[in-house]
C-alpha atoms as a PDB file:
ATOM      1  CA  MET A   1     166.935  80.672  54.044  1.00  0.00           C
ATOM      2  CA  SER A   2     167.879  83.289  55.879  1.00  0.00           C
ATOM      3  CA  ASN A   3     166.878  86.834  55.131  1.00  0.00           C
ATOM      4  CA  ALA A   4     170.644  87.703  54.133  1.00  0.00           C
ATOM      5  CA  SER A   5     169.466  88.469  50.187  1.00  0.00           C
ATOM      6  CA  LYS A   6     167.282  91.718  51.304  1.00  0.00           C
ATOM      7  CA  ASN A   7     167.543  94.789  49.540  1.00  0.00           C
ATOM      8  CA  ARG A   8     169.853  92.859  46.206  1.00  0.00           C
ATOM      9  CA  SER A   9     168.599  93.193  43.072  1.00  0.00           C
ATOM     10  CA  ALA A  10     168.196  90.934  40.384  1.00  0.00           C
ATOM     11  CA  LEU A  11     168.215  91.206  36.827  1.00  0.00           C
ATOM     12  CA  ILE A  12     165.700  87.840  34.661  1.00  0.00           C
ATOM     13  CA  VAL A  13     166.589  88.099  30.943  1.00  0.00           C
ATOM     14  CA  GLY A  14     163.559  86.606  29.413  1.00  0.00           C
ATOM     15  CA  ILE A  15     161.421  86.690  32.987  1.00  0.00           C
ATOM     16  CA  SER A  16     158.408  86.415  30.491  1.00  0.00           C
ATOM     17  CA  GLY A  17     159.071  82.398  30.575  1.00  0.00           C
ATOM     18  CA  GLN A  18     157.775  79.844  33.052  1.00  0.00           C
ATOM     19  CA  ASP A  19     160.870  80.041  35.032  1.00  0.00           C
ATOM     20  CA  GLY A  20     161.492  83.453  34.399  1.00  0.00           C
ATOM     21  CA  SER A  21     158.164  83.849  36.119  1.00  0.00           C
ATOM     22  CA  TYR A  22     158.713  81.289  39.164  1.00  0.00           C
ATOM     23  CA  LEU A  23     161.652  82.837  39.680  1.00  0.00           C
ATOM     24  CA  ALA A  24     160.643  86.218  40.329  1.00  0.00           C
ATOM     25  CA  ASP A  25     157.795  85.392  42.400  1.00  0.00           C
ATOM     26  CA  PHE A  26     160.540  83.801  44.716  1.00  0.00           C
ATOM     27  CA  LEU A  27     163.022  86.970  44.634  1.00  0.00           C
ATOM     28  CA  LEU A  28     160.692  89.032  45.632  1.00  0.00           C
ATOM     29  CA  LYS A  29     159.176  86.759  48.712  1.00  0.00           C
ATOM     30  CA  LYS A  30     163.069  86.838  49.774  1.00  0.00           C
ATOM     31  CA  GLY A  31     163.022  91.244  49.796  1.00  0.00           C
ATOM     32  CA  TYR A  32     165.023  91.253  46.022  1.00  0.00           C
ATOM     33  CA  GLU A  33     164.118  94.570  43.742  1.00  0.00           C
ATOM     34  CA  VAL A  34     163.469  91.931  40.546  1.00  0.00           C
ATOM     35  CA  HIS A  35     164.103  93.839  37.188  1.00  0.00           C
ATOM     36  CA  GLY A  36     162.685  91.388  34.097  1.00  0.00           C
ATOM     37  CA  THR A  37     163.520  92.008  30.397  1.00  0.00           C
ATOM     38  CA  SER A  38     161.894  90.622  27.309  1.00  0.00           C
ATOM     39  CA  ARG A  39     162.722  91.296  23.277  1.00  0.00           C
ATOM     40  CA  ASP A  40     159.755  93.972  23.428  1.00  0.00           C
ATOM     41  CA  ALA A  41     158.256  94.817  26.561  1.00  0.00           C
ATOM     42  CA  TYR A  42     155.464  97.098  25.420  1.00  0.00           C
ATOM     43  CA  LEU A  43     153.706  93.519  23.654  1.00  0.00           C
ATOM     44  CA  THR A  44     155.422  91.055  25.672  1.00  0.00           C
ATOM     45  CA  ASN A  45     151.961  89.736  27.519  1.00  0.00           C
ATOM     46  CA  PHE A  46     153.359  88.803  30.774  1.00  0.00           C
ATOM     47  CA  SER A  47     151.340  86.226  31.251  1.00  0.00           C
ATOM     48  CA  GLY A  48     153.319  83.959  33.836  1.00  0.00           C
ATOM     49  CA  LEU A  49     153.350  87.253  35.678  1.00  0.00           C
ATOM     50  CA  LYS A  50     150.065  88.681  35.742  1.00  0.00           C
ATOM     51  CA  SER A  51     148.694  84.918  37.002  1.00  0.00           C
ATOM     52  CA  LEU A  52     150.741  84.853  39.848  1.00  0.00           C
ATOM     53  CA  GLY A  53     149.552  88.839  40.754  1.00  0.00           C
ATOM     54  CA  ILE A  54     153.005  89.932  40.790  1.00  0.00           C
ATOM     55  CA  GLU A  55     152.920  92.060  37.262  1.00  0.00           C
ATOM     56  CA  GLN A  56     152.825  94.882  38.706  1.00  0.00           C
ATOM     57  CA  GLU A  57     155.996  94.548  41.983  1.00  0.00           C
ATOM     58  CA  VAL A  58     158.630  93.594  38.641  1.00  0.00           C
ATOM     59  CA  HIS A  59     160.599  96.369  37.129  1.00  0.00           C
ATOM     60  CA  LEU A  60     159.974  95.019  33.313  1.00  0.00           C
ATOM     61  CA  HIS A  61     162.582  96.207  30.714  1.00  0.00           C
ATOM     62  CA  THR A  62     163.288  95.875  26.561  1.00  0.00           C
ATOM     63  CA  MET A  63     166.297  94.177  26.129  1.00  0.00           C
ATOM     64  CA  SER A  64     167.313  91.651  23.380  1.00  0.00           C
ATOM     65  CA  SER A  65     170.610  89.790  24.599  1.00  0.00           C
ATOM     66  CA  LYS A  66     171.264  89.121  20.866  1.00  0.00           C
ATOM     67  CA  ASP A  67     172.531  92.749  20.420  1.00  0.00           C
ATOM     68  CA  PHE A  68     175.695  93.663  22.484  1.00  0.00           C
ATOM     69  CA  ARG A  69     174.819  97.177  22.669  1.00  0.00           C
ATOM     70  CA  SER A  70     171.740  96.439  24.092  1.00  0.00           C
ATOM     71  CA  ALA A  71     172.854  93.842  26.954  1.00  0.00           C
ATOM     72  CA  ILE A  72     175.342  96.397  28.287  1.00  0.00           C
ATOM     73  CA  SER A  73     172.878  99.597  28.057  1.00  0.00           C
ATOM     74  CA  MET A  74     170.865  97.369  30.807  1.00  0.00           C
ATOM     75  CA  LEU A  75     173.434  96.510  32.424  1.00  0.00           C
ATOM     76  CA  THR A  76     174.583  99.421  32.937  1.00  0.00           C
ATOM     77  CA  LYS A  77     171.436 101.355  34.066  1.00  0.00           C
ATOM     78  CA  ILE A  78     170.213  98.470  36.200  1.00  0.00           C
ATOM     79  CA  GLU A  79     173.572  97.220  37.942  1.00  0.00           C
ATOM     80  CA  PRO A  80     172.268  93.871  39.497  1.00  0.00           C
ATOM     81  CA  ASP A  81     173.537  91.916  41.920  1.00  0.00           C
ATOM     82  CA  GLU A  82     172.263  88.507  40.297  1.00  0.00           C
ATOM     83  CA  VAL A  83     172.021  88.293  36.556  1.00  0.00           C
ATOM     84  CA  TYR A  84     169.898  85.114  35.493  1.00  0.00           C
ATOM     85  CA  ASN A  85     169.665  84.361  32.185  1.00  0.00           C
ATOM     86  CA  LEU A  86     166.963  82.667  30.863  1.00  0.00           C
ATOM     87  CA  ALA A  87     165.631  83.703  27.410  1.00  0.00           C
ATOM     88  CA  SER A  88     166.320  81.218  24.704  1.00  0.00           C
ATOM     89  CA  GLN A  89     164.762  79.139  21.991  1.00  0.00           C
ATOM     90  CA  SER A  90     163.523  76.880  24.463  1.00  0.00           C
ATOM     91  CA  SER A  91     161.801  74.049  21.835  1.00  0.00           C
ATOM     92  CA  PRO A  92     164.107  71.412  20.397  1.00  0.00           C
ATOM     93  CA  ALA A  93     161.145  70.276  18.338  1.00  0.00           C
ATOM     94  CA  LEU A  94     161.646  74.050  16.974  1.00  0.00           C
ATOM     95  CA  SER A  95     164.745  74.037  16.485  1.00  0.00           C
ATOM     96  CA  PHE A  96     164.853  71.723  13.494  1.00  0.00           C
ATOM     97  CA  GLU A  97     163.363  74.443  11.734  1.00  0.00           C
ATOM     98  CA  GLN A  98     165.225  77.539  12.634  1.00  0.00           C
ATOM     99  CA  PRO A  99     168.717  76.016  13.712  1.00  0.00           C
ATOM    100  CA  VAL A 100     170.178  79.749  13.268  1.00  0.00           C
ATOM    101  CA  GLU A 101     167.443  81.703  15.369  1.00  0.00           C
ATOM    102  CA  THR A 102     167.944  78.708  17.614  1.00  0.00           C
ATOM    103  CA  PHE A 103     171.329  79.344  18.248  1.00  0.00           C
ATOM    104  CA  GLU A 104     171.666  82.684  17.429  1.00  0.00           C
ATOM    105  CA  SER A 105     169.309  83.145  20.306  1.00  0.00           C
ATOM    106  CA  ASN A 106     170.639  80.150  23.242  1.00  0.00           C
ATOM    107  CA  THR A 107     174.596  80.835  22.314  1.00  0.00           C
ATOM    108  CA  VAL A 108     175.467  84.279  21.289  1.00  0.00           C
ATOM    109  CA  GLY A 109     172.490  85.762  23.298  1.00  0.00           C
ATOM    110  CA  THR A 110     174.189  84.510  26.519  1.00  0.00           C
ATOM    111  CA  LEU A 111     178.143  85.465  24.772  1.00  0.00           C
ATOM    112  CA  ASN A 112     176.534  89.191  24.638  1.00  0.00           C
ATOM    113  CA  LEU A 113     176.317  88.656  28.075  1.00  0.00           C
ATOM    114  CA  LEU A 114     179.182  87.627  29.928  1.00  0.00           C
ATOM    115  CA  GLU A 115     180.567  89.444  27.443  1.00  0.00           C
ATOM    116  CA  ALA A 116     179.601  92.733  28.923  1.00  0.00           C
ATOM    117  CA  ILE A 117     180.280  91.721  32.145  1.00  0.00           C
ATOM    118  CA  ARG A 118     183.555  90.662  31.981  1.00  0.00           C
ATOM    119  CA  MET A 119     183.837  94.034  29.865  1.00  0.00           C
ATOM    120  CA  CYS A 120     182.841  96.342  32.233  1.00  0.00           C
ATOM    121  CA  GLN A 121     183.610  94.867  35.265  1.00  0.00           C
ATOM    122  CA  PHE A 122     180.344  94.725  36.822  1.00  0.00           C
ATOM    123  CA  PRO A 123     180.404  93.038  40.081  1.00  0.00           C
ATOM    124  CA  CYS A 124     177.670  91.069  39.378  1.00  0.00           C
ATOM    125  CA  LYS A 125     176.693  87.355  39.998  1.00  0.00           C
ATOM    126  CA  PHE A 126     175.988  85.292  36.122  1.00  0.00           C
ATOM    127  CA  TYR A 127     173.101  82.160  36.475  1.00  0.00           C
ATOM    128  CA  ASN A 128     172.688  80.920  32.824  1.00  0.00           C
ATOM    129  CA  ALA A 129     170.727  78.374  32.307  1.00  0.00           C
ATOM    130  CA  ALA A 130     171.988  74.666  30.700  1.00  0.00           C
ATOM    131  CA  SER A 131     169.371  72.365  29.747  1.00  0.00           C
ATOM    132  CA  SER A 132     169.420  68.356  30.389  1.00  0.00           C
ATOM    133  CA  GLU A 133     169.275  68.366  26.241  1.00  0.00           C
ATOM    134  CA  ILE A 134     172.997  68.797  25.970  1.00  0.00           C
ATOM    135  CA  PHE A 135     173.782  64.863  28.003  1.00  0.00           C
ATOM    136  CA  GLY A 136     172.051  63.699  24.952  1.00  0.00           C
ATOM    137  CA  PRO A 137     170.916  60.022  25.427  1.00  0.00           C
ATOM    138  CA  THR A 138     171.098  59.269  29.037  1.00  0.00           C
ATOM    139  CA  ASP A 139     172.296  55.162  29.738  1.00  0.00           C
ATOM    140  CA  ALA A 140     172.596  56.132  33.816  1.00  0.00           C
ATOM    141  CA  PRO A 141     171.855  58.693  35.326  1.00  0.00           C
ATOM    142  CA  ALA A 142     174.130  61.806  33.906  1.00  0.00           C
ATOM    143  CA  ASN A 143     175.779  64.232  36.671  1.00  0.00           C
ATOM    144  CA  GLU A 144     178.477  66.949  36.404  1.00  0.00           C
ATOM    145  CA  ASP A 145     180.922  65.404  34.629  1.00  0.00           C
ATOM    146  CA  ALA A 146     178.995  63.050  32.101  1.00  0.00           C
ATOM    147  CA  ILE A 147     179.879  63.272  28.557  1.00  0.00           C
ATOM    148  CA  LEU A 148     178.209  66.205  26.358  1.00  0.00           C
ATOM    149  CA  HIS A 149     176.339  64.620  23.234  1.00  0.00           C
ATOM    150  CA  PRO A 150     173.925  67.089  22.442  1.00  0.00           C
ATOM    151  CA  SER A 151     171.262  65.567  19.077  1.00  0.00           C
ATOM    152  CA  SER A 152     168.663  68.817  18.653  1.00  0.00           C
ATOM    153  CA  PRO A 153     170.142  72.649  17.509  1.00  0.00           C
ATOM    154  CA  TYR A 154     169.138  73.223  20.196  1.00  0.00           C
ATOM    155  CA  ALA A 155     170.818  71.201  22.180  1.00  0.00           C
ATOM    156  CA  ILE A 156     173.680  72.094  20.949  1.00  0.00           C
ATOM    157  CA  SER A 157     173.028  75.689  20.923  1.00  0.00           C
ATOM    158  CA  LYS A 158     172.803  74.975  25.156  1.00  0.00           C
ATOM    159  CA  ALA A 159     176.080  73.071  25.072  1.00  0.00           C
ATOM    160  CA  SER A 160     178.061  75.786  22.820  1.00  0.00           C
ATOM    161  CA  ALA A 161     176.389  77.964  25.587  1.00  0.00           C
ATOM    162  CA  TYR A 162     177.788  75.840  28.618  1.00  0.00           C
ATOM    163  CA  TRP A 163     181.272  76.131  27.825  1.00  0.00           C
ATOM    164  CA  ASN A 164     181.393  79.319  27.417  1.00  0.00           C
ATOM    165  CA  VAL A 165     179.568  79.819  31.103  1.00  0.00           C
ATOM    166  CA  ARG A 166     182.214  77.461  32.117  1.00  0.00           C
ATOM    167  CA  LEU A 167     185.221  79.342  30.154  1.00  0.00           C
ATOM    168  CA  TYR A 168     184.613  82.707  31.785  1.00  0.00           C
ATOM    169  CA  ARG A 169     184.611  81.197  34.613  1.00  0.00           C
ATOM    170  CA  GLU A 170     187.967  79.900  34.776  1.00  0.00           C
ATOM    171  CA  ALA A 171     189.704  82.119  32.463  1.00  0.00           C
ATOM    172  CA  TYR A 172     188.469  85.128  33.763  1.00  0.00           C
ATOM    173  CA  ASN A 173     187.267  84.350  37.277  1.00  0.00           C
ATOM    174  CA  MET A 174     183.978  85.040  36.982  1.00  0.00           C
ATOM    175  CA  PHE A 175     180.954  83.875  39.005  1.00  0.00           C
ATOM    176  CA  SER A 176     179.747  82.902  36.236  1.00  0.00           C
ATOM    177  CA  CYS A 177     177.318  79.211  36.579  1.00  0.00           C
ATOM    178  CA  SER A 178     174.922  76.972  35.173  1.00  0.00           C
ATOM    179  CA  GLY A 179     172.214  75.099  37.127  1.00  0.00           C
ATOM    180  CA  ILE A 180     171.354  72.474  33.975  1.00  0.00           C
ATOM    181  CA  LEU A 181     168.068  71.412  34.708  1.00  0.00           C
ATOM    182  CA  PHE A 182     166.073  68.809  33.659  1.00  0.00           C
ATOM    183  CA  ASN A 183     162.309  68.932  32.012  1.00  0.00           C
ATOM    184  CA  HIS A 184     160.321  70.723  34.748  1.00  0.00           C
ATOM    185  CA  GLU A 185     156.422  71.604  34.264  1.00  0.00           C
ATOM    186  CA  SER A 186     153.857  74.083  35.991  1.00  0.00           C
ATOM    187  CA  PRO A 187     150.646  74.842  34.898  1.00  0.00           C
ATOM    188  CA  LEU A 188     152.772  77.873  32.994  1.00  0.00           C
ATOM    189  CA  ARG A 189     154.611  76.212  31.211  1.00  0.00           C
ATOM    190  CA  PRO A 190     153.752  77.083  26.799  1.00  0.00           C
ATOM    191  CA  ASN A 191     150.819  75.454  24.767  1.00  0.00           C
ATOM    192  CA  ARG A 192     154.076  73.587  22.746  1.00  0.00           C
ATOM    193  CA  PHE A 193     155.251  71.381  24.881  1.00  0.00           C
ATOM    194  CA  VAL A 194     154.584  67.796  24.425  1.00  0.00           C
ATOM    195  CA  THR A 195     153.669  68.056  28.267  1.00  0.00           C
ATOM    196  CA  SER A 196     151.004  70.863  27.815  1.00  0.00           C
ATOM    197  CA  LYS A 197     149.293  69.663  24.687  1.00  0.00           C
ATOM    198  CA  ILE A 198     149.240  66.090  26.767  1.00  0.00           C
ATOM    199  CA  ILE A 199     146.951  68.031  29.952  1.00  0.00           C
ATOM    200  CA  GLU A 200     145.116  70.041  27.801  1.00  0.00           C
ATOM    201  CA  GLY A 201     144.221  67.372  25.388  1.00  0.00           C
ATOM    202  CA  VAL A 202     142.733  65.391  28.530  1.00  0.00           C
ATOM    203  CA  CYS A 203     140.832  67.898  29.638  1.00  0.00           C
ATOM    204  CA  GLU A 204     139.291  68.474  26.240  1.00  0.00           C
ATOM    205  CA  ILE A 205     138.245  64.580  26.116  1.00  0.00           C
ATOM    206  CA  ALA A 206     137.118  64.630  29.489  1.00  0.00           C
ATOM    207  CA  LYS A 207     134.555  67.368  28.917  1.00  0.00           C
ATOM    208  CA  GLY A 208     133.184  66.005  25.945  1.00  0.00           C
ATOM    209  CA  LYS A 209     135.091  67.722  23.966  1.00  0.00           C
ATOM    210  CA  LYS A 210     137.633  66.136  21.996  1.00  0.00           C
ATOM    211  CA  ASP A 211     137.931  62.684  20.518  1.00  0.00           C
ATOM    212  CA  LYS A 212     141.304  61.807  20.493  1.00  0.00           C
ATOM    213  CA  LEU A 213     144.663  63.118  21.446  1.00  0.00           C
ATOM    214  CA  THR A 214     147.756  62.482  18.759  1.00  0.00           C
ATOM    215  CA  LEU A 215     151.269  62.555  18.935  1.00  0.00           C
ATOM    216  CA  GLY A 216     154.501  61.669  18.200  1.00  0.00           C
ATOM    217  CA  ASN A 217     157.307  59.253  19.584  1.00  0.00           C
ATOM    218  CA  LEU A 218     154.725  57.675  22.900  1.00  0.00           C
ATOM    219  CA  GLU A 219     158.034  55.464  23.673  1.00  0.00           C
ATOM    220  CA  VAL A 220     160.840  57.724  25.457  1.00  0.00           C
ATOM    221  CA  PHE A 221     161.928  58.624  28.889  1.00  0.00           C
ATOM    222  CA  ARG A 222     161.910  62.238  30.688  1.00  0.00           C
ATOM    223  CA  ASP A 223     162.618  62.878  34.231  1.00  0.00           C
ATOM    224  CA  TRP A 224     160.208  65.258  34.681  1.00  0.00           C
ATOM    225  CA  GLY A 225     159.894  67.693  38.371  1.00  0.00           C
ATOM    226  CA  TRP A 226     158.338  70.750  39.802  1.00  0.00           C
ATOM    227  CA  ALA A 227     159.125  73.877  38.101  1.00  0.00           C
ATOM    228  CA  PRO A 228     158.528  76.561  41.709  1.00  0.00           C
ATOM    229  CA  GLU A 229     160.865  73.996  43.104  1.00  0.00           C
ATOM    230  CA  TYR A 230     163.638  74.358  40.345  1.00  0.00           C
ATOM    231  CA  VAL A 231     163.817  78.127  40.852  1.00  0.00           C
ATOM    232  CA  GLU A 232     164.401  77.804  44.386  1.00  0.00           C
ATOM    233  CA  ALA A 233     167.245  75.743  43.060  1.00  0.00           C
ATOM    234  CA  MET A 234     169.046  78.313  40.905  1.00  0.00           C
ATOM    235  CA  TRP A 235     169.186  80.986  43.845  1.00  0.00           C
ATOM    236  CA  SER A 236     170.576  78.524  46.129  1.00  0.00           C
ATOM    237  CA  ILE A 237     173.161  78.064  42.460  1.00  0.00           C
ATOM    238  CA  MET A 238     173.885  81.713  43.076  1.00  0.00           C
ATOM    239  CA  GLN A 239     174.483  81.467  46.564  1.00  0.00           C
ATOM    240  CA  GLN A 240     176.967  79.153  46.827  1.00  0.00           C
ATOM    241  CA  GLU A 241     180.918  81.038  47.627  1.00  0.00           C
ATOM    242  CA  LYS A 242     182.512  79.230  44.681  1.00  0.00           C
ATOM    243  CA  ALA A 243     180.976  79.098  40.943  1.00  0.00           C
ATOM    244  CA  GLU A 244     179.702  75.591  40.239  1.00  0.00           C
ATOM    245  CA  ASP A 245     177.277  73.586  37.376  1.00  0.00           C
ATOM    246  CA  PHE A 246     174.893  71.585  38.727  1.00  0.00           C
ATOM    247  CA  VAL A 247     172.474  69.115  37.764  1.00  0.00           C
ATOM    248  CA  ILE A 248     169.309  69.220  38.603  1.00  0.00           C
ATOM    249  CA  ALA A 249     166.551  66.967  38.438  1.00  0.00           C
ATOM    250  CA  THR A 250     164.205  64.090  39.859  1.00  0.00           C
ATOM    251  CA  GLY A 251     166.771  61.197  39.488  1.00  0.00           C
ATOM    252  CA  LYS A 252     163.675  58.930  37.954  1.00  0.00           C
ATOM    253  CA  ALA A 253     162.380  58.711  34.567  1.00  0.00           C
ATOM    254  CA  TYR A 254     159.171  57.888  32.855  1.00  0.00           C
ATOM    255  CA  SER A 255     158.157  57.656  29.378  1.00  0.00           C
ATOM    256  CA  LEU A 256     155.744  59.843  27.596  1.00  0.00           C
ATOM    257  CA  LYS A 257     153.258  56.849  28.231  1.00  0.00           C
ATOM    258  CA  GLN A 258     153.168  56.547  31.939  1.00  0.00           C
ATOM    259  CA  PHE A 259     152.337  59.958  32.089  1.00  0.00           C
ATOM    260  CA  LEU A 260     149.787  59.643  29.658  1.00  0.00           C
ATOM    261  CA  GLN A 261     148.689  56.850  32.071  1.00  0.00           C
ATOM    262  CA  PHE A 262     148.883  58.953  34.981  1.00  0.00           C
ATOM    263  CA  ALA A 263     146.745  62.630  33.226  1.00  0.00           C
ATOM    264  CA  PHE A 264     143.989  59.888  32.157  1.00  0.00           C
ATOM    265  CA  GLU A 265     143.879  58.097  34.904  1.00  0.00           C
ATOM    266  CA  SER A 266     143.287  61.556  36.741  1.00  0.00           C
ATOM    267  CA  VAL A 267     139.933  62.130  35.077  1.00  0.00           C
ATOM    268  CA  ASP A 268     138.979  58.114  35.126  1.00  0.00           C
ATOM    269  CA  LEU A 269     140.255  57.203  31.860  1.00  0.00           C
ATOM    270  CA  ASP A 270     141.957  54.571  29.759  1.00  0.00           C
ATOM    271  CA  TRP A 271     144.617  56.959  27.926  1.00  0.00           C
ATOM    272  CA  GLU A 272     144.737  53.758  24.898  1.00  0.00           C
ATOM    273  CA  LYS A 273     140.884  54.398  23.864  1.00  0.00           C
ATOM    274  CA  TYR A 274     141.927  58.180  22.577  1.00  0.00           C
ATOM    275  CA  VAL A 275     145.558  58.388  22.278  1.00  0.00           C
ATOM    276  CA  TYR A 276     147.666  57.718  18.743  1.00  0.00           C
ATOM    277  CA  SER A 277     151.166  57.920  17.676  1.00  0.00           C
ATOM    278  CA  ASP A 278     151.645  59.580  14.312  1.00  0.00           C
ATOM    279  CA  PRO A 279     155.192  59.670  13.019  1.00  0.00           C
ATOM    280  CA  LYS A 280     154.239  62.925  11.245  1.00  0.00           C
ATOM    281  CA  PHE A 281     155.641  63.792  14.324  1.00  0.00           C
ATOM    282  CA  PHE A 282     158.316  62.210  15.539  1.00  0.00           C
ATOM    283  CA  ARG A 283     161.657  64.735  15.208  1.00  0.00           C
ATOM    284  CA  PRO A 284     164.480  64.413  13.415  1.00  0.00           C
ATOM    285  CA  SER A 285     166.288  62.944  16.485  1.00  0.00           C
ATOM    286  CA  ASP A 286     164.768  62.526  19.703  1.00  0.00           C
ATOM    287  CA  PRO A 287     166.668  60.319  22.925  1.00  0.00           C
ATOM    288  CA  LYS A 288     165.335  57.694  24.298  1.00  0.00           C
ATOM    289  CA  ILE A 289     165.823  58.309  28.116  1.00  0.00           C
ATOM    290  CA  ILE A 290     167.165  61.727  29.745  1.00  0.00           C
ATOM    291  CA  VAL A 291     167.436  61.311  33.513  1.00  0.00           C
ATOM    292  CA  GLY A 292     169.620  63.197  35.527  1.00  0.00           C
ATOM    293  CA  ASP A 293     171.672  62.453  38.747  1.00  0.00           C
ATOM    294  CA  PRO A 294     171.098  65.164  41.275  1.00  0.00           C
ATOM    295  CA  GLY A 295     173.682  64.028  43.998  1.00  0.00           C
ATOM    296  CA  LYS A 296     175.454  67.270  44.201  1.00  0.00           C
ATOM    297  CA  ALA A 297     173.006  69.153  44.107  1.00  0.00           C
ATOM    298  CA  GLU A 298     171.267  67.483  47.628  1.00  0.00           C
ATOM    299  CA  LYS A 299     174.774  67.327  48.660  1.00  0.00           C
ATOM    300  CA  LYS A 300     175.903  70.999  48.134  1.00  0.00           C
ATOM    301  CA  LEU A 301     172.958  73.138  48.210  1.00  0.00           C
ATOM    302  CA  GLY A 302     170.756  70.831  50.483  1.00  0.00           C
ATOM    303  CA  TRP A 303     167.804  70.620  47.436  1.00  0.00           C
ATOM    304  CA  LYS A 304     166.139  67.898  46.408  1.00  0.00           C
ATOM    305  CA  ALA A 305     163.245  67.112  44.260  1.00  0.00           C
ATOM    306  CA  LYS A 306     160.071  67.036  46.367  1.00  0.00           C
ATOM    307  CA  MET A 307     157.141  66.057  43.788  1.00  0.00           C
ATOM    308  CA  THR A 308     157.072  63.436  41.577  1.00  0.00           C
ATOM    309  CA  THR A 309     155.767  62.639  38.522  1.00  0.00           C
ATOM    310  CA  PRO A 310     152.319  61.057  39.589  1.00  0.00           C
ATOM    311  CA  GLU A 311     151.918  63.783  42.008  1.00  0.00           C
ATOM    312  CA  ILE A 312     153.157  66.912  39.385  1.00  0.00           C
ATOM    313  CA  VAL A 313     150.410  65.127  36.197  1.00  0.00           C
ATOM    314  CA  LYS A 314     147.847  65.224  38.856  1.00  0.00           C
ATOM    315  CA  SER A 315     148.370  68.451  39.691  1.00  0.00           C
ATOM    316  CA  LEU A 316     148.802  69.815  35.972  1.00  0.00           C
ATOM    317  CA  VAL A 317     145.111  67.989  34.803  1.00  0.00           C
ATOM    318  CA  GLN A 318     143.497  69.377  38.259  1.00  0.00           C
ATOM    319  CA  ALA A 319     145.332  73.077  37.574  1.00  0.00           C
ATOM    320  CA  LYS A 320     143.984  72.932  33.423  1.00  0.00           C
ATOM    321  CA  LEU A 321     140.411  71.567  35.282  1.00  0.00           C
ATOM    322  CA  ASN A 322     140.127  74.579  37.759  1.00  0.00           C
ATOM    323  CA  SER A 323     140.991  77.665  35.353  1.00  0.00           C
ATOM    324  CA  ALA A 324     138.147  76.468  32.872  1.00  0.00           C
ATOM    325  CA  ASN A 325     135.464  76.658  35.084  1.00  0.00           C
END
């Protein structure tokens, strides 16, 4: 990749999460001036930025994208070349408990940013973090033309945001695009996600601190990738001459049982001796298989996932064990 991006500025809305932290690191290495927002920059921990050693290199601000005035004020202040909208309530499970908050955060927040850019005619590119959940269950790997069948309040909110991004691109000729990212993991993944719960549980069992791990539905299949690779895809989407949406995925799905098997094998244990499935942890609606077709990304962006799910799981377990030492 070239150094053509040197001295450009980027605004990462929702920088405190996994993707925001890795994207900030990636953009800094590209020579960008990086700004990031959270709903309260004074109280937010920014643990991801700290763990990557870049907190002091990023300009941090307080902004709520649900507040239209706040969005306009921030864009006017920074005048970024690129805006990455990563802020969201990102848990499908939690969205069943907080459907209104999820919709406002994911849909209204995205719409406010789009409308602020349109009204003020800011000459910036806009990236939206869409989600594989918008497809619902995928009988075949989903590409950019697949029918949307969202199966949770989270997925519905993300589908609505996705359509708004397309509308502003087509109706107002804005450079607005979505990366439809399938599941992607890293040591920065929050503990509320089942994959992080598994990694932590496996490490505690391996150390003798725990004797069982209770989960929900084990018969689900997901397309798991590596987050640091996926933020590179986000940037590549924004470097295109024409704004388009892209599926970012590995193209292969594994079951949660296989994820467990890989994790326990990395510490020489049999997962079936320790794992229990409890229906009370099942979601009201949970697609059995979600897998993506990244063919367009490979063809147009030159992007292809490098790490496989077994490698990812092993890396996560090792990172967790090392962090505890």
